[in-house]
C-alpha cells in the first residue's frame, strides 16, 4: 500500500510537470504559428506536409551542433562573468571597437543563427549596439572553414576578396548604426523574452572561471541555456518550415531569370534575393 502511494505521488508530480510544460508550449505564439502553418498547408496541399516536416527536422538537426555550441558559449560567458570583460573591450573608443568587432566577426566560426546567443549576451552586457552590429554582420559571411572551402573551390583570390569585403561590411554596418545611435528605435534592442529572467549581471563578485563550483553560477548557466535554447529553437523551426515552402513554391528559375538579364539593377536585386 505504501509503495502504491509513493508511485501515485510520483506519477502525480510528473503529470503536473508535463501539464505545466504543455500549457507553456501551447500558449506560445511561435509554436501556435508553426502548428497553424502545418494545418493550413494540410488543407491546401496535404502531400507537401510530410516533405515540409522532413525538411524542417533535417534542417534543424543540421544546424543543431552550431546552435548548441553558441548557446553553451553564451551561457559560459554569462556564468563566469566574463561578459563584463568583453563589454569593456567593445565599449571603448567607437572607431576602435567597431573595427575590432568586425575583425572578430570575420574570424569567428559562427553561422547566422548560431551567432544570435552571443549577440544577446553582448547586448545584455550593455555593449554598444554599433560594435555588436559590426560583429553580427561580419560573423555569418566568413569564417575559417568557409575561407578554406572558398579558396579550394573557387580560388584563393576570391576567398581573400570575400574576407576583405566581409570586414568592410561589418565596419560599414557598425558605423551606420553609430550614426543613428540616438534614435529611439535602437535604445532597447532586446525583447523582454530574451532580456528578462537571465538579464541579471553576474559581475557582482567579479569573474569566476570555475563557475561550476558555485551554485548561483551553475543556476545562471542552466537558466541561460534553457531560456536562449528554447527561444532560438522555436523560431528556427518556424523559419525552416517557411523555407521549406519557399523551396517548393518559389521556382529557382524566377531568381535565375531575374539575375541573368544584364541590367544595372542586378547587383542590388541579387543582394536582396540573398
Foldseek 3Di string as FASTA:
>chain_A
DVVVVVVVVVVVVVVVVVVVVVVVQVPDPLNVVLVVVLVVCCVVPVVCSVVLVVQLVVVCVVCVVLQLVLLLVLLLCQLQLVLLVVLVQLQPDLLNNLLVLLLCLQADAHALLSCVSVLLSNVLSVRQVLSSQLSNQLNRQHYPVVLVVCCVPPRNVVSVVSSVVSSVVSSVSSVVCVVVVVPPCNPCPDDCLSCPPLSDGPPPPHGDNVSVVDPVSVVSSVVSSVSVVVVSSSVSSSVSSVVSVCPPPPDPVVLVVVLPPPDPCNVVVVVVVD
